[in-house]
Protein backbone atom coordinates (compact mmCIF):
# COMPACT_ATOMS: atom_id res chain seq x y z
CA MET A 1 108.59 124.58 196.97
CA LYS A 2 109.79 121.57 198.70
CA GLU A 3 108.09 122.66 202.06
CA GLU A 4 104.91 123.27 200.66
CA ALA A 5 104.92 119.99 199.01
CA LYS A 6 105.74 118.43 202.29
CA ALA A 7 102.60 120.32 203.80
CA VAL A 8 100.38 118.82 201.60
CA VAL A 9 101.61 115.51 202.12
CA ALA A 10 101.35 115.78 205.70
CA ARG A 11 97.77 117.18 205.57
CA VAL A 12 96.67 114.18 203.37
CA SER A 13 98.72 111.71 205.58
CA ARG A 14 96.70 113.26 208.62
CA GLY A 15 93.12 112.97 206.90
CA GLU A 16 92.98 116.62 206.33
CA GLU A 17 92.80 116.23 202.43
CA GLN A 18 91.03 113.96 200.37
CA VAL A 19 92.71 113.70 197.22
CA LEU A 20 92.12 111.94 193.93
CA THR A 21 95.05 110.30 191.68
CA SER A 22 95.87 107.40 189.26
CA VAL A 23 98.37 104.22 189.15
CA VAL A 24 100.10 106.16 186.49
CA HIS A 25 100.33 109.29 188.40
CA ILE A 26 101.76 107.58 191.35
CA SER A 27 103.93 105.35 188.99
CA GLU A 28 105.12 108.95 187.37
CA ALA A 29 105.97 110.45 190.62
CA SER A 30 107.84 106.91 191.84
CA ASN A 31 109.86 107.74 188.75
CA ILE A 32 110.66 111.25 189.50
CA LEU A 33 111.75 110.13 193.10
CA LYS A 34 113.71 107.33 192.76
CA ARG A 35 116.51 109.50 191.85
CA ARG A 36 116.23 111.13 195.39
CA MET A 37 114.92 108.36 197.67
CA ALA A 38 116.18 104.84 198.79
CA VAL A 39 114.36 102.04 197.25
CA SER A 40 113.06 101.12 200.55
CA GLU A 41 111.87 104.49 201.22
CA LEU A 42 109.94 104.76 197.71
CA ALA A 43 108.41 101.42 198.30
CA GLU A 44 106.92 102.57 201.84
CA LEU A 45 105.90 105.77 200.14
CA VAL A 46 104.22 104.04 197.34
CA SER A 47 102.29 101.74 199.53
CA GLY A 48 101.61 104.17 202.00
CA LEU A 49 99.66 106.04 198.86
CA LEU A 50 98.00 103.10 197.88
CA THR A 51 96.70 102.17 201.42
CA ASN A 52 95.81 105.71 202.68
CA ALA A 53 91.97 106.14 202.97
CA SER A 54 92.41 109.74 202.00
CA VAL A 55 93.71 108.77 198.58
CA GLN A 56 91.54 107.60 196.17
CA VAL A 57 93.54 105.79 193.39
CA GLU A 58 91.74 105.12 189.79
CA GLY A 59 92.77 102.29 187.91
CA VAL A 60 93.52 103.22 184.08
CA THR A 61 92.37 101.10 181.17
CA PRO A 62 94.04 101.08 178.03
CA GLU A 63 91.15 102.53 176.21
CA GLU A 64 90.94 105.36 178.87
CA TYR A 65 94.64 105.87 178.13
CA LEU A 66 94.44 106.20 174.49
CA GLY A 67 91.56 108.89 175.01
CA ALA A 68 93.76 110.80 177.22
CA SER A 69 96.58 110.60 174.42
CA GLU A 70 94.15 111.65 172.04
CA SER A 71 92.75 114.61 174.14
CA ALA A 72 96.34 115.45 174.97
CA ARG A 73 96.50 117.31 171.48
CA ASP A 74 93.40 119.59 171.92
CA LEU A 75 94.18 120.20 175.72
CA GLY A 76 98.10 121.04 174.93
CA LEU A 77 99.30 118.81 177.58
CA ASP A 78 101.23 115.65 177.57
CA PRO A 79 99.01 112.20 178.05
CA ASN A 80 99.95 111.70 181.60
CA ASP A 81 98.71 115.38 182.42
CA SER A 82 95.50 114.76 179.99
CA LEU A 83 94.65 111.65 181.98
CA ALA A 84 94.69 113.80 185.18
CA VAL A 85 92.03 116.26 183.54
CA LEU A 86 89.99 113.32 182.23
CA LEU A 87 90.09 111.89 185.85
CA MET A 88 89.32 115.22 187.64
CA ARG A 89 86.38 115.65 185.01
CA ARG A 90 84.81 112.51 185.47
CA HIS A 91 84.76 113.03 189.26
CA GLY A 92 84.13 116.53 189.33
CA VAL A 93 87.37 117.78 190.45
CA GLN A 94 88.59 121.53 189.81
CA ASP A 95 91.63 121.77 192.04
CA ILE A 96 94.83 120.00 191.48
CA PHE A 97 98.04 119.90 193.61
CA THR A 98 101.06 120.75 191.24
CA PHE A 99 103.79 123.01 190.17
CA ASP A 100 103.12 122.11 186.60
CA ARG A 101 101.95 125.51 184.88
CA ASP A 102 100.64 123.82 181.99
CA PHE A 103 97.53 123.06 184.02
CA ASP A 104 96.87 126.93 184.01
CA ARG A 105 95.69 127.28 180.63
CA VAL A 106 93.23 124.17 181.13
CA GLU A 107 89.70 125.66 181.31
CA GLY A 108 88.02 124.36 184.55
CA VAL A 109 90.91 123.21 186.30
CA ARG A 110 92.68 125.35 188.86
CA ARG A 111 96.19 124.49 190.07
CA LEU A 112 96.84 125.24 193.56
CA PRO A 113 99.75 127.44 193.62
CA GLY A 114 102.76 126.22 195.84
CA THR A 115 101.36 122.94 196.21
CA GLY A 116 103.33 119.66 195.14
CA GLY A 117 102.57 116.65 193.29
CA GLY A 118 101.36 116.65 190.13
CA ALA A 119 99.91 113.24 190.81
CA GLY A 120 96.81 114.48 192.82
CA ALA A 121 93.84 116.34 192.80
CA SER A 122 91.31 117.57 195.50
CA PRO A 123 87.89 116.31 195.08
CA THR A 124 86.81 118.77 198.00
CA ASP A 125 85.90 121.50 195.84
CA ARG A 126 83.38 119.86 193.71
CA PRO A 127 80.81 122.18 191.58
């Protein structure tokens, strides 16, 4: 899985994939990665995501997060995952790069197998 995740990151870095994420999901990834990376490396990674032209980063208002929290019950997801689904639907995105199998049961969302992150979705496969 680790190599597949690295391959996705490399494609995004080279501009071969356009992805959508949010500040919430970058924060979530940062919290996971801080156990495995030096602070300076993690800061560089986050800065790179925020400034990469291939990465569309959405801000999230308290009202949007509240909506995601409320829809989490219906979707059977945690609030952050529910937020990802809401942002995907808003932007017409169907594919999500994640190892999280919870997304497999969400109608209209296609989890790209063997891809990593949980923080990004590809807007290249719009309906």
